[in-house]
Amino acid sequence: MPPLPRLSLAAWSAAALVALVPTWWAWEERLAPEGLPYIVGLVRPYPRFSGTPVLTPLLTHLGAVATAAVTWALPAVLVLAGFVGRLRQANPEAAARRVAWGLVTLAAVRSVSADFTILVLSPEWFADVAGQWGPDQLCYLLAATLVLLAPPGRPSHPAPALQPLGLRAAALAADYAIFLVAWGLVDLLLDGRYRPRSGLLFSWPGLRLEDLALVALLFLYVWIPRGTTPGKRLLGLRVEGAGPGKAALRALLFPVAVLWPTYGLLWLALDVLWSFVDKEGHLLHDRLLDTSVRCSTSRMT
């Protein structure tokens, strides 16, 4: 392996430090006295829910995932994992692009508003999203730029296509929305009214019988098609190598992750971060179970 150019090492190191800055700010805010928010809460009570079914819960949980990622310095860890992947994978430029897309996505998610008082996709919502852009987003965009500008240091070699991580994330969001709509329709059939739901993230102490039934339905939703869920089909993806047993294990991972407060999100993050280190871009659970997710033939042609 040729020696790594100093400029490349400097760019990746600077990107990791810049990506760490919002985490530093977040912990400074956490450790600061909380008298002011309490006073504001007394003067201005929290309003009642009037958001958008499906979209508001989806954005709420995207925001929760982004907040947890910043709290635990996962953007900086992403840069470090991408740097390792750049050294291990056959196409270092592809590894850099994946890291950059991850940082840009995080910047966008951090700015997306899930305010329960605003109708999603309304002019007021877009104005609120634009107002959310600030130093955090600029840090992630700067880190992404540094990663893309870093010299590769070695030529790319022919290699199998990396796992379609962006498409998998989009498929997961589609499955989430489909499941929330289905859950609401069940309410409509049973109670005669559609109730907007707060989403699928729970905490163990608050579990009820209907929540456990929901988890069982979520498991069947993933297990019956052996991982190739409607969301994956919409995005032209298919799961390979998943028999009934492996499909059951894959289907258990997501419900367990969303039920395990905080640490479940860390497990999901570890699952994704592994793909930046893995030579073929496999997620950790796919590597452990010897399964893979590929684009369907119709999409590749």
Protein backbone atom coordinates (compact mmCIF):
# COMPACT_ATOMS: atom_id res chain seq x y z
CA MET A 1 0.00 0.00 0.00
CA PRO A 2 1.49 3.41 -0.97
CA PRO A 3 2.09 5.91 1.86
CA LEU A 4 -0.84 8.16 2.67
CA PRO A 5 -0.34 11.76 1.49
CA ARG A 6 0.01 14.23 4.35
CA LEU A 7 -2.59 16.47 2.77
CA SER A 8 -5.12 13.65 2.76
CA LEU A 9 -4.41 12.78 6.40
CA ALA A 10 -4.72 16.44 7.35
CA ALA A 11 -8.04 16.81 5.51
CA TRP A 12 -9.59 13.74 7.14
CA SER A 13 -8.30 14.77 10.58
CA ALA A 14 -9.71 18.26 10.15
CA ALA A 15 -13.06 16.81 9.00
CA ALA A 16 -13.28 14.65 12.15
CA LEU A 17 -12.52 17.64 14.38
CA VAL A 18 -15.05 19.87 12.60
CA ALA A 19 -17.70 17.13 12.83
CA LEU A 20 -17.00 16.94 16.58
CA VAL A 21 -17.67 20.64 17.21
CA PRO A 22 -21.53 20.37 17.30
CA THR A 23 -21.19 17.56 19.85
CA TRP A 24 -19.04 19.85 22.01
CA TRP A 25 -21.69 22.56 21.77
CA ALA A 26 -24.46 20.08 22.59
CA TRP A 27 -22.71 18.92 25.77
CA GLU A 28 -22.00 22.51 26.79
CA GLU A 29 -25.72 23.21 26.49
CA ARG A 30 -26.61 20.04 28.40
CA LEU A 31 -24.34 20.90 31.29
CA ALA A 32 -25.46 24.53 31.46
CA PRO A 33 -28.02 25.63 34.11
CA GLU A 34 -31.59 24.98 32.96
CA GLY A 35 -33.38 27.84 34.68
CA LEU A 36 -34.24 29.78 31.52
CA PRO A 37 -36.07 26.96 29.66
CA TYR A 38 -38.09 26.30 32.84
CA ILE A 39 -39.16 29.95 33.06
CA VAL A 40 -40.07 30.02 29.36
CA GLY A 41 -42.13 26.87 29.90
CA LEU A 42 -44.10 28.60 32.65
CA VAL A 43 -44.82 31.61 30.49
CA ARG A 44 -45.58 29.65 27.32
CA PRO A 45 -47.14 26.21 27.90
CA TYR A 46 -46.51 23.50 25.31
CA PRO A 47 -49.29 23.53 22.69
CA ARG A 48 -51.62 20.65 21.86
CA PHE A 49 -50.85 18.28 19.00
CA SER A 50 -52.05 19.46 15.61
CA GLY A 51 -49.40 18.05 13.30
CA THR A 52 -49.52 15.89 10.20
CA PRO A 53 -50.30 12.16 10.49
CA VAL A 54 -47.42 9.89 9.38
CA LEU A 55 -45.08 12.76 8.43
CA THR A 56 -44.89 14.39 11.86
CA PRO A 57 -44.01 11.11 13.67
CA LEU A 58 -41.49 10.26 10.95
CA LEU A 59 -39.78 13.64 11.26
CA THR A 60 -39.94 13.45 15.06
CA HIS A 61 -38.02 10.19 15.08
CA LEU A 62 -35.55 11.35 12.46
CA GLY A 63 -34.87 14.30 14.75
CA ALA A 64 -34.48 11.96 17.75
CA VAL A 65 -31.98 9.82 15.84
CA ALA A 66 -30.04 12.92 14.72
CA THR A 67 -29.97 14.30 18.27
CA ALA A 68 -28.68 11.00 19.66
CA ALA A 69 -26.06 10.88 16.89
CA VAL A 70 -24.77 14.35 17.79
CA THR A 71 -24.84 13.61 21.52
CA TRP A 72 -22.67 10.51 21.11
CA ALA A 73 -20.28 12.13 18.57
CA LEU A 74 -21.34 9.73 15.84
CA PRO A 75 -20.60 12.22 12.99
CA ALA A 76 -16.94 12.30 14.03
CA VAL A 77 -16.97 8.50 14.38
CA LEU A 78 -18.47 8.33 10.88
CA VAL A 79 -15.52 10.30 9.50
CA LEU A 80 -13.04 8.00 11.27
CA ALA A 81 -14.89 4.89 10.03
CA GLY A 82 -14.87 6.32 6.51
CA PHE A 83 -11.14 6.95 6.76
CA VAL A 84 -10.58 3.30 7.71
CA GLY A 85 -12.89 2.22 4.89
CA ARG A 86 -10.95 4.43 2.51
CA LEU A 87 -7.84 2.41 3.37
CA ARG A 88 -9.59 -0.99 3.20
CA GLN A 89 -12.04 -0.70 0.32
CA ALA A 90 -11.00 -1.00 -3.31
CA ASN A 91 -12.53 2.36 -4.26
CA PRO A 92 -11.39 5.06 -1.78
CA GLU A 93 -13.34 7.78 -3.60
CA ALA A 94 -16.59 5.84 -3.12
CA ALA A 95 -15.87 5.60 0.63
CA ALA A 96 -15.36 9.37 0.78
CA ARG A 97 -18.62 10.01 -1.08
CA ARG A 98 -20.55 7.79 1.34
CA VAL A 99 -19.17 9.71 4.32
CA ALA A 100 -19.95 13.05 2.68
CA TRP A 101 -23.52 11.97 1.91
CA GLY A 102 -23.94 10.84 5.52
CA LEU A 103 -22.79 14.21 6.85
CA VAL A 104 -24.99 16.16 4.41
CA THR A 105 -27.97 13.98 5.31
CA LEU A 106 -27.39 14.61 9.01
CA ALA A 107 -27.20 18.36 8.37
CA ALA A 108 -30.51 18.23 6.50
CA VAL A 109 -32.24 16.09 9.14
CA ARG A 110 -31.04 18.42 11.91
CA SER A 111 -32.77 21.30 10.14
CA VAL A 112 -36.06 19.52 9.40
CA SER A 113 -38.76 20.69 11.76
CA ALA A 114 -41.14 18.28 13.47
CA ASP A 115 -43.06 20.98 15.34
CA PHE A 116 -46.45 19.52 16.28
CA THR A 117 -48.08 22.91 15.69
CA ILE A 118 -47.02 23.19 12.02
CA LEU A 119 -48.51 21.35 9.06
CA VAL A 120 -45.68 19.49 7.30
CA LEU A 121 -44.89 20.76 3.75
CA SER A 122 -46.84 23.97 4.34
CA PRO A 123 -45.20 27.36 3.60
CA GLU A 124 -44.85 27.92 7.36
CA TRP A 125 -43.06 24.57 7.68
CA PHE A 126 -40.57 25.41 4.91
CA ALA A 127 -39.90 28.80 6.54
CA ASP A 128 -39.28 27.06 9.87
CA VAL A 129 -36.89 24.58 8.22
CA ALA A 130 -34.93 27.42 6.62
CA GLY A 131 -34.69 29.11 10.02
CA GLN A 132 -33.20 25.98 11.59
CA TRP A 133 -30.00 26.18 9.55
CA GLY A 134 -27.11 27.35 11.68
CA PRO A 135 -23.55 26.58 12.86
CA ASP A 136 -24.19 22.84 13.32
CA GLN A 137 -25.22 22.38 9.71
CA LEU A 138 -22.31 24.49 8.48
CA CYS A 139 -19.89 22.27 10.45
CA TYR A 140 -21.22 19.12 8.82
CA LEU A 141 -21.16 20.65 5.34
CA LEU A 142 -17.56 21.81 5.90
CA ALA A 143 -16.57 18.32 7.12
CA ALA A 144 -18.20 16.77 4.04
CA THR A 145 -16.29 19.20 1.79
CA LEU A 146 -12.97 18.36 3.46
CA VAL A 147 -13.62 14.63 2.98
CA LEU A 148 -14.43 15.08 -0.71
CA LEU A 149 -11.40 17.30 -1.33
CA ALA A 150 -8.94 14.92 0.41
CA PRO A 151 -6.59 13.32 -2.15
CA PRO A 152 -7.37 9.60 -2.53
CA GLY A 153 -3.70 8.67 -2.17
CA ARG A 154 -4.03 5.48 -4.21
CA PRO A 155 -5.83 4.49 -7.41
CA SER A 156 -9.21 2.77 -7.38
CA HIS A 157 -9.40 -0.90 -8.32
CA PRO A 158 -12.27 -2.83 -9.92
CA ALA A 159 -14.50 -4.22 -7.18
CA PRO A 160 -18.09 -5.34 -6.62
CA ALA A 161 -20.55 -2.51 -6.13
CA LEU A 162 -20.96 -1.43 -2.51
CA GLN A 163 -24.23 -2.12 -0.72
CA PRO A 164 -26.86 0.53 -1.63
CA LEU A 165 -26.86 2.28 1.75
CA GLY A 166 -28.79 5.38 0.62
CA LEU A 167 -31.51 3.30 -1.02
CA ARG A 168 -31.78 1.15 2.11
CA ALA A 169 -32.31 4.25 4.25
CA ALA A 170 -35.02 5.48 1.85
CA ALA A 171 -36.64 2.03 1.89
CA LEU A 172 -36.66 2.05 5.70
CA ALA A 173 -38.38 5.45 5.71
CA ALA A 174 -40.95 4.14 3.18
CA ASP A 175 -41.62 1.04 5.31
CA TYR A 176 -42.00 3.26 8.36
CA ALA A 177 -44.60 5.42 6.61
CA ILE A 178 -46.45 2.38 5.21
CA PHE A 179 -46.61 0.78 8.65
CA LEU A 180 -47.87 3.98 10.32
CA VAL A 181 -50.63 4.31 7.71
CA ALA A 182 -51.61 0.66 8.19
CA TRP A 183 -51.63 1.12 11.96
CA GLY A 184 -53.88 4.15 11.63
CA LEU A 185 -56.27 2.25 9.35
CA VAL A 186 -56.57 -0.49 11.97
CA ASP A 187 -57.65 2.21 14.43
CA LEU A 188 -60.13 3.45 11.86
CA LEU A 189 -61.67 0.00 11.47
CA LEU A 190 -61.78 -0.74 15.21
CA ASP A 191 -62.72 2.67 16.64
CA GLY A 192 -64.22 4.45 13.65
CA ARG A 193 -61.62 7.24 13.75
CA TYR A 194 -58.09 7.78 12.52
CA ARG A 195 -55.77 8.74 15.35
CA PRO A 196 -52.39 10.33 14.55
CA ARG A 197 -49.69 8.28 16.20
CA SER A 198 -46.53 9.46 17.89
CA GLY A 199 -44.52 6.77 16.11
CA LEU A 200 -42.84 3.47 16.86
CA LEU A 201 -40.13 4.37 19.38
CA PHE A 202 -41.00 3.11 22.87
CA SER A 203 -39.41 2.73 26.28
CA TRP A 204 -39.66 -0.52 28.17
CA PRO A 205 -41.47 0.89 31.27
CA GLY A 206 -44.27 2.30 29.11
CA LEU A 207 -45.06 -0.83 27.09
CA ARG A 208 -48.71 -1.82 26.85
CA LEU A 209 -50.40 -4.86 25.36
CA GLU A 210 -51.22 -3.00 22.15
CA ASP A 211 -47.58 -1.94 21.86
CA LEU A 212 -46.44 -5.56 22.09
CA ALA A 213 -49.03 -6.49 19.44
CA LEU A 214 -47.56 -3.74 17.26
CA VAL A 215 -44.06 -5.16 17.67
CA ALA A 216 -45.37 -8.58 16.67
CA LEU A 217 -46.98 -7.09 13.55
CA LEU A 218 -43.74 -5.25 12.76
CA PHE A 219 -41.84 -8.53 13.04
CA LEU A 220 -44.28 -10.28 10.67
CA TYR A 221 -44.14 -7.33 8.26
CA VAL A 222 -40.39 -7.91 7.84
CA TRP A 223 -40.27 -11.71 8.29
CA ILE A 224 -43.04 -12.89 5.94
CA PRO A 225 -41.42 -11.43 2.78
CA ARG A 226 -38.01 -12.60 4.14
CA GLY A 227 -36.69 -9.08 4.44
CA THR A 228 -37.77 -7.84 1.00
CA THR A 229 -40.39 -5.48 2.45
CA PRO A 230 -42.74 -3.27 0.40
CA GLY A 231 -40.38 -0.34 0.99
CA LYS A 232 -37.45 -2.29 -0.49
CA ARG A 233 -39.59 -3.39 -3.44
CA LEU A 234 -40.55 0.23 -4.12
CA LEU A 235 -36.86 1.17 -4.24
CA GLY A 236 -35.92 -1.86 -6.37
CA LEU A 237 -34.03 -3.76 -3.65
CA ARG A 238 -34.06 -7.43 -2.72
CA VAL A 239 -32.58 -9.46 0.15
CA GLU A 240 -30.38 -12.40 -0.82
CA GLY A 241 -29.35 -15.40 1.27
CA ALA A 242 -32.11 -15.05 3.89
CA GLY A 243 -33.88 -18.33 4.58
CA PRO A 244 -36.68 -18.55 7.17
CA GLY A 245 -34.27 -18.66 10.13
CA LYS A 246 -32.02 -15.82 9.00
CA ALA A 247 -35.06 -13.78 7.94
CA ALA A 248 -36.48 -14.17 11.47
CA LEU A 249 -33.24 -12.91 13.04
CA ARG A 250 -33.10 -9.96 10.64
CA ALA A 251 -36.74 -9.13 11.43
CA LEU A 252 -36.05 -9.10 15.19
CA LEU A 253 -33.22 -6.57 15.01
CA PHE A 254 -35.27 -3.45 14.25
CA PRO A 255 -38.04 -3.96 16.88
CA VAL A 256 -35.41 -4.70 19.54
CA ALA A 257 -33.47 -1.60 18.54
CA VAL A 258 -36.47 0.74 18.72
CA LEU A 259 -37.59 -0.75 22.05
CA TRP A 260 -34.19 -0.32 23.72
CA PRO A 261 -34.01 3.36 24.78
CA THR A 262 -30.89 5.23 23.62
CA TYR A 263 -28.75 2.10 23.28
CA GLY A 264 -31.03 0.74 20.58
CA LEU A 265 -30.20 3.77 18.47
CA LEU A 266 -26.52 3.20 19.21
CA TRP A 267 -26.90 -0.37 17.95
CA LEU A 268 -28.46 0.92 14.72
CA ALA A 269 -25.58 3.40 14.40
CA LEU A 270 -22.99 0.64 14.92
CA ASP A 271 -24.82 -1.44 12.32
CA VAL A 272 -24.53 1.37 9.77
CA LEU A 273 -21.00 2.48 10.69
CA TRP A 274 -19.74 -1.04 10.09
CA SER A 275 -20.66 -0.65 6.42
CA PHE A 276 -18.01 2.07 6.07
CA VAL A 277 -15.32 -0.31 7.32
CA ASP A 278 -16.55 -3.47 5.57
CA LYS A 279 -14.79 -4.07 2.24
CA GLU A 280 -18.10 -4.73 0.43
CA GLY A 281 -20.14 -2.18 2.37
CA HIS A 282 -22.24 -4.76 4.24
CA LEU A 283 -24.16 -3.69 7.32
CA LEU A 284 -23.07 -5.52 10.47
CA HIS A 285 -26.17 -7.74 10.72
CA ASP A 286 -25.83 -8.74 7.06
CA ARG A 287 -22.18 -9.60 7.60
CA LEU A 288 -22.97 -11.70 10.70
CA LEU A 289 -25.84 -13.53 8.99
CA ASP A 290 -24.13 -13.80 5.59
CA THR A 291 -26.98 -12.01 3.81
CA SER A 292 -26.93 -9.08 1.42
CA VAL A 293 -29.21 -6.46 -0.12
CA ARG A 294 -28.88 -5.87 -3.85
CA CYS A 295 -30.57 -3.78 -6.49
CA SER A 296 -33.01 -5.80 -8.55
CA THR A 297 -32.15 -6.62 -12.15
CA SER A 298 -34.84 -4.31 -13.49
CA ARG A 299 -33.30 -1.37 -11.64
CA MET A 300 -29.75 -2.16 -12.70
CA THR A 301 -30.59 -2.36 -16.38
